[in-house]
Protein backbone atom coordinates (compact mmCIF):
# COMPACT_ATOMS: atom_id res chain seq x y z
CA MET A 1 -32.42 -38.21 33.53
CA SER A 2 -28.84 -36.90 33.43
CA ARG A 3 -26.09 -38.89 31.79
CA PRO A 4 -22.48 -39.11 33.00
CA PHE A 5 -19.91 -37.11 31.00
CA GLY A 6 -18.33 -39.14 28.22
CA SER A 7 -21.29 -41.45 27.72
CA ASN A 8 -24.13 -41.51 25.24
CA ARG A 9 -26.86 -43.85 24.03
CA LEU A 10 -26.78 -44.66 20.35
CA PRO A 11 -30.11 -45.93 18.88
CA ILE A 12 -29.82 -49.13 16.87
CA GLY A 13 -33.18 -50.15 15.43
CA GLN A 14 -35.58 -50.54 18.38
CA PHE A 15 -32.76 -50.81 20.89
CA SER A 16 -30.12 -48.47 22.23
CA VAL A 17 -26.55 -49.21 23.20
CA SER A 18 -24.69 -47.45 25.93
CA VAL A 19 -21.26 -46.25 24.77
CA ASN A 20 -18.54 -44.69 26.89
CA LEU A 21 -17.01 -42.12 24.51
CA SER A 22 -13.89 -41.62 26.62
CA THR A 23 -13.11 -45.32 26.39
CA ALA A 24 -13.90 -45.37 22.67
CA VAL A 25 -11.59 -42.46 21.85
CA LEU A 26 -8.70 -43.49 24.10
CA PRO A 27 -6.99 -45.83 21.59
CA TYR A 28 -6.81 -42.98 19.04
CA VAL A 29 -5.14 -40.42 21.34
CA PRO A 30 -1.60 -41.18 20.06
CA VAL A 31 -2.82 -40.79 16.48
CA ILE A 32 -4.50 -37.47 17.28
CA CYS A 33 -1.36 -36.19 18.99
CA HIS A 34 0.74 -37.20 16.00
CA LEU A 35 -1.64 -35.42 13.60
CA ARG A 36 -1.58 -32.24 15.70
CA LYS A 37 2.21 -32.31 15.75
CA GLN A 38 2.31 -32.84 11.98
CA LEU A 39 -0.11 -29.95 11.39
CA ARG A 40 1.99 -27.64 13.54
CA SER A 41 5.08 -28.66 11.58
CA GLU A 42 3.37 -28.08 8.22
CA ARG A 43 2.15 -24.68 9.39
CA PHE A 44 5.69 -23.76 10.43
CA ASP A 45 7.04 -24.89 7.06
CA SER A 46 4.36 -22.83 5.31
CA LEU A 47 5.31 -19.73 7.27
CA ARG A 48 8.99 -20.40 6.67
CA SER A 49 8.35 -20.60 2.91
CA MET A 50 7.03 -17.03 3.11
CA THR A 51 10.27 -15.71 4.61
CA LYS A 52 10.54 -12.07 3.67
CA HIS A 53 13.40 -10.81 1.54
CA LYS A 54 13.84 -7.05 1.33
CA LEU A 55 14.71 -5.50 -2.01
CA PHE A 56 15.15 -1.74 -2.37
CA LEU A 57 14.84 0.06 -5.70
CA LEU A 58 16.06 3.63 -6.02
CA ARG A 59 15.82 5.98 -8.94
CA HIS A 60 18.93 8.16 -8.81
CA GLY A 61 18.72 11.71 -7.47
CA GLU A 62 17.85 14.55 -9.81
CA GLY A 63 20.34 14.92 -12.66
CA ALA A 64 21.30 18.09 -14.48
CA TRP A 65 19.09 17.18 -17.44
CA ASN A 66 16.18 16.16 -15.19
CA LYS A 67 16.23 19.75 -14.00
CA GLU A 68 16.27 21.00 -17.61
CA ASN A 69 13.48 18.53 -18.52
CA ARG A 70 15.53 16.90 -21.29
CA PHE A 71 15.73 13.24 -22.29
CA CYS A 72 19.03 12.21 -20.71
CA SER A 73 19.07 8.48 -21.35
CA TRP A 74 22.63 7.23 -22.01
CA VAL A 75 24.27 10.67 -21.92
CA ASP A 76 26.41 10.63 -18.79
CA GLN A 77 25.18 13.44 -16.56
CA ARG A 78 26.05 13.82 -12.89
CA LEU A 79 23.61 14.81 -10.16
CA SER A 80 22.38 18.36 -9.79
CA GLU A 81 22.77 20.11 -6.44
CA ALA A 82 19.21 19.10 -5.60
CA GLY A 83 19.99 15.52 -6.65
CA VAL A 84 22.93 15.35 -4.24
CA THR A 85 20.61 16.50 -1.45
CA GLU A 86 17.99 13.90 -2.44
CA ALA A 87 20.53 11.08 -2.27
CA GLN A 88 21.87 12.23 1.09
CA GLU A 89 18.36 12.56 2.55
CA CYS A 90 17.52 9.10 1.23
CA GLY A 91 20.55 7.67 3.02
CA ARG A 92 19.63 9.38 6.28
CA LEU A 93 16.07 8.07 6.05
CA LEU A 94 17.24 4.50 5.48
CA LYS A 95 19.69 4.78 8.37
CA GLU A 96 17.01 6.14 10.72
CA ARG A 97 14.82 3.15 9.87
CA GLY A 98 17.61 0.74 10.67
CA TYR A 99 18.19 -0.77 7.24
CA GLU A 100 21.51 -2.36 6.35
CA PHE A 101 22.64 -3.46 2.90
CA ASP A 102 24.82 -6.39 1.91
CA ILE A 103 25.37 -5.53 -1.74
CA ILE A 104 24.46 -2.71 -4.14
CA PHE A 105 23.86 -2.85 -7.87
CA THR A 106 24.07 0.20 -10.14
CA SER A 107 24.20 1.01 -13.82
CA ILE A 108 27.43 2.28 -15.36
CA LEU A 109 26.07 5.83 -15.64
CA SER A 110 27.57 8.31 -13.18
CA ARG A 111 24.31 9.58 -11.71
CA SER A 112 23.38 6.05 -10.66
CA VAL A 113 26.80 5.33 -9.12
CA GLN A 114 27.03 8.76 -7.47
CA THR A 115 23.63 8.26 -5.86
CA ALA A 116 24.70 4.91 -4.40
CA TRP A 117 27.89 6.45 -2.99
CA LEU A 118 26.02 9.33 -1.34
CA VAL A 119 23.38 7.02 0.13
CA MET A 120 25.96 4.68 1.62
CA GLU A 121 28.04 7.57 2.95
CA ALA A 122 24.98 8.96 4.75
CA MET A 123 24.29 5.49 6.16
CA GLY A 124 27.89 4.94 7.26
CA GLN A 125 28.08 1.84 5.05
CA GLU A 126 30.65 2.92 2.48
CA TRP A 127 32.32 -0.50 2.63
CA VAL A 128 29.34 -2.34 1.12
CA PRO A 129 30.28 -3.84 -2.29
CA VAL A 130 28.96 -2.03 -5.38
CA VAL A 131 28.51 -3.97 -8.64
CA LYS A 132 27.93 -2.09 -11.91
CA SER A 133 26.31 -3.24 -15.15
CA TRP A 134 25.11 -1.56 -18.33
CA ARG A 135 22.03 -3.78 -18.10
CA LEU A 136 20.71 -1.47 -15.38
CA ASN A 137 21.19 1.62 -17.57
CA GLU A 138 18.37 4.01 -18.27
CA ARG A 139 16.17 3.29 -21.27
CA HIS A 140 17.82 4.30 -24.53
CA TYR A 141 15.64 7.06 -25.97
CA GLY A 142 17.33 7.03 -29.38
CA ALA A 143 16.87 10.16 -31.46
CA LEU A 144 14.94 11.82 -28.60
CA ILE A 145 18.09 12.15 -26.46
CA GLY A 146 18.77 15.76 -25.51
CA LEU A 147 15.34 17.04 -26.53
CA ASN A 148 13.15 19.03 -24.13
CA ARG A 149 9.97 17.16 -23.17
CA ALA A 150 7.79 20.26 -22.82
CA GLU A 151 8.87 21.59 -26.22
CA MET A 152 8.12 18.19 -27.75
CA ALA A 153 4.67 18.24 -26.16
CA LEU A 154 4.01 21.58 -27.83
CA ASN A 155 5.16 20.25 -31.21
CA HIS A 156 3.77 16.71 -31.12
CA GLY A 157 1.07 16.77 -28.42
CA GLU A 158 1.17 15.58 -24.83
CA GLU A 159 -0.35 12.17 -25.59
CA ARG A 160 2.32 11.36 -28.17
CA VAL A 161 5.08 12.35 -25.75
CA LYS A 162 3.47 10.20 -23.04
CA VAL A 163 3.52 7.22 -25.43
CA TRP A 164 7.22 7.79 -26.13
CA ARG A 165 8.00 8.22 -22.43
CA ARG A 166 5.75 5.76 -20.62
CA SER A 167 4.35 3.09 -22.95
CA TYR A 168 5.56 -0.50 -22.80
CA ASP A 169 6.24 -1.58 -26.36
CA VAL A 170 6.71 1.60 -28.43
CA THR A 171 10.31 2.22 -29.49
CA PRO A 172 11.33 5.81 -30.35
CA PRO A 173 13.27 6.58 -33.55
CA PRO A 174 16.83 5.22 -33.29
CA ILE A 175 19.89 7.37 -32.79
CA ASP A 176 22.29 7.57 -35.76
CA GLU A 177 25.76 8.93 -36.37
CA SER A 178 24.41 12.38 -37.25
CA HIS A 179 22.99 12.81 -33.75
CA PRO A 180 24.94 15.37 -31.65
CA TYR A 181 25.40 12.89 -28.79
CA PHE A 182 26.12 9.74 -30.81
CA ASN A 183 29.91 9.91 -30.53
CA GLU A 184 29.81 10.94 -26.89
CA ILE A 185 27.88 7.78 -26.07
CA TYR A 186 29.45 5.19 -28.36
CA SER A 187 33.07 6.32 -28.04
CA ASP A 188 32.86 6.17 -24.23
CA ARG A 189 35.23 3.46 -23.04
CA ARG A 190 32.86 2.34 -20.28
CA TYR A 191 30.94 0.43 -22.95
CA VAL A 192 33.99 -1.72 -23.69
CA THR A 193 33.24 -3.35 -20.31
CA CYS A 194 29.84 -4.65 -21.44
CA ASP A 195 29.12 -8.36 -21.84
CA ILE A 196 28.21 -7.85 -25.50
CA PRO A 197 30.15 -6.15 -28.32
CA LYS A 198 29.70 -2.40 -28.53
CA GLU A 199 28.23 -2.80 -32.01
CA GLU A 200 25.33 -4.78 -30.52
CA LEU A 201 24.38 -2.16 -27.94
CA PRO A 202 20.92 -0.65 -28.50
CA ARG A 203 20.29 2.46 -30.58
CA ALA A 204 16.80 2.93 -29.10
CA GLU A 205 14.59 0.96 -26.70
CA SER A 206 11.02 0.49 -25.60
CA LEU A 207 10.40 -0.39 -21.96
CA LYS A 208 9.83 -3.95 -23.14
CA GLU A 209 13.34 -4.02 -24.61
CA VAL A 210 14.75 -2.59 -21.38
CA LEU A 211 13.19 -5.52 -19.50
CA GLU A 212 14.54 -8.00 -22.05
CA ARG A 213 18.14 -6.84 -21.57
CA LEU A 214 17.71 -6.51 -17.80
CA LEU A 215 16.16 -9.93 -17.07
CA PRO A 216 19.26 -12.07 -17.72
CA TYR A 217 21.18 -9.94 -15.21
CA TRP A 218 18.33 -10.14 -12.70
CA ASN A 219 18.04 -13.91 -13.04
CA ASP A 220 21.74 -14.74 -13.11
CA VAL A 221 23.29 -12.14 -10.82
CA ILE A 222 20.89 -10.18 -8.61
CA SER A 223 18.19 -12.68 -7.62
CA PRO A 224 20.69 -15.33 -6.40
CA GLN A 225 22.04 -12.75 -3.96
CA ILE A 226 18.54 -12.10 -2.60
CA LYS A 227 17.80 -15.82 -2.29
CA GLN A 228 20.95 -16.17 -0.21
CA GLY A 229 19.34 -13.85 2.31
CA LYS A 230 21.19 -10.67 1.37
CA THR A 231 19.50 -7.28 1.52
CA VAL A 232 19.97 -5.66 -1.89
CA LEU A 233 19.80 -2.04 -3.05
CA ILE A 234 19.46 -1.35 -6.76
CA SER A 235 20.41 2.25 -7.48
CA ALA A 236 19.39 2.72 -11.08
CA HIS A 237 17.00 4.75 -13.23
CA GLY A 238 13.31 5.47 -13.66
CA ASN A 239 12.78 3.02 -16.51
CA SER A 240 15.07 0.21 -15.43
CA CYS A 241 13.33 0.28 -12.03
CA ARG A 242 9.88 0.43 -13.67
CA ALA A 243 10.77 -2.53 -15.91
CA LEU A 244 11.81 -4.59 -12.89
CA LEU A 245 8.64 -3.61 -11.01
CA LYS A 246 6.58 -4.74 -13.98
CA HIS A 247 8.28 -8.12 -13.91
CA LEU A 248 8.08 -8.66 -10.14
CA GLU A 249 4.57 -7.34 -9.59
CA GLY A 250 3.01 -8.54 -12.82
CA VAL A 251 1.92 -5.04 -13.86
CA SER A 252 0.00 -5.11 -17.14
CA ASP A 253 1.35 -3.57 -20.33
CA ALA A 254 -1.27 -0.83 -20.11
CA ASP A 255 -0.97 -0.08 -16.39
CA ILE A 256 2.81 0.30 -16.39
CA ALA A 257 2.33 3.65 -18.15
CA ASP A 258 0.88 5.02 -14.92
CA VAL A 259 3.67 3.77 -12.64
CA THR A 260 5.80 6.77 -11.70
CA LEU A 261 8.96 6.71 -9.61
CA PRO A 262 10.28 10.07 -8.38
CA THR A 263 14.00 10.73 -8.03
CA GLY A 264 15.67 9.95 -4.72
CA VAL A 265 12.73 8.07 -3.17
CA PRO A 266 13.51 4.48 -2.05
CA VAL A 267 11.00 1.77 -2.93
CA LEU A 268 10.77 -1.23 -0.59
CA LEU A 269 9.63 -4.61 -1.92
CA GLU A 270 9.07 -7.49 0.50
CA LEU A 271 9.41 -10.78 -1.36
CA ASP A 272 8.78 -14.45 -0.59
CA ASP A 273 11.26 -17.23 -1.34
CA ASN A 274 10.09 -17.26 -4.97
CA LEU A 275 10.77 -13.51 -5.13
CA ARG A 276 7.10 -12.66 -5.53
CA PRO A 277 5.75 -9.64 -3.60
CA LEU A 278 4.09 -10.33 -0.26
CA LYS A 279 2.50 -6.88 -0.20
CA ALA A 280 2.26 -3.72 -2.27
CA ARG A 281 5.43 -1.75 -2.91
CA GLN A 282 6.19 0.93 -0.34
CA LEU A 283 7.61 4.34 -1.27
CA LEU A 284 9.48 5.40 1.85
CA GLY A 285 9.39 8.95 3.14
CA ASP A 286 6.94 11.76 3.73
CA PRO A 287 3.72 10.93 1.78
CA ALA A 288 2.97 14.55 0.87
CA LYS A 289 6.49 15.13 -0.49
CA ILE A 290 6.37 11.85 -2.41
CA GLN A 291 3.07 12.78 -4.08
CA ALA A 292 4.44 16.19 -5.01
CA ALA A 293 7.54 14.55 -6.49
CA ILE A 294 5.41 12.10 -8.49
CA LYS A 295 3.33 14.96 -9.90
CA LYS A 296 6.51 16.80 -10.87
CA VAL A 297 7.68 13.80 -12.90
CA GLU A 298 4.29 13.35 -14.55
CA ASP A 299 4.16 17.06 -15.47
CA GLN A 300 7.46 16.81 -17.36
CA GLY A 301 5.63 15.60 -20.46
CA LYS A 302 3.18 18.49 -20.51
CA ALA A 303 3.41 21.52 -22.75
CA THR A 304 3.71 23.81 -19.74
CA VAL A 305 5.84 22.56 -16.89
CA ASN A 306 6.02 23.91 -13.36
CA THR A 307 9.68 23.48 -12.42
CA LYS A 308 9.34 24.81 -8.89
């Protein structure tokens, strides 16, 4: 025997009671509607809390000493001809993809600043403010500054050079006054502009120490700009960018040795409101060219280097 929609018979002991479900549920309809509305609101708030912020990291274009495969570090070298082209191509790529920047941060080394200028010129955004800080400088390689990586690999072994170049907590021998580039670095008046006395500037750094001097600037200056909704470009160096990636992505001390950033290739990070990554970093550009550029960087620490 068929039963009308909305009714059912509920057994109670030896008897059954006819219940009209539509009538039974009716008093709770306002409550159900309220709950649905509340759930929709909570879902919206959850999505809103995952609002994407875009942060771009850029290792400067090839410098003169990159081309010569020497540890450049705090020696102030400008871009090579190829580095100028890399920066210009980076700017054109970012423009083609429709990106716009609100503020740019650089180190106080010329190759970092020059790269930012060339990128913004190619994008037609020369007016965007540029803020400079020594805290975004390249890692200080101490006594290794000026030395050729391939020659060092021949003399000390490729693994030892990789530890000096890529490890997290190994500090190279410090620079001293007898070093040929000591006076060039420490008599440079740009370091009078630092937020610490010149005498307290590093003489050598591990990647860990780079992160330690970078984090206060990130926390106090850069991240507040991102949280305000601004799109930020950091035009810096291989190691200052790697240190920041380690912090943002939670890369382990061991795995950071295998993170390679080629010159002139922009890295896009999409962050939530807590500035944690929503997805894996994206290296923008032609994948085949990016892989070739990564291999070129990795080969710099080998005894025989292909410079083509």
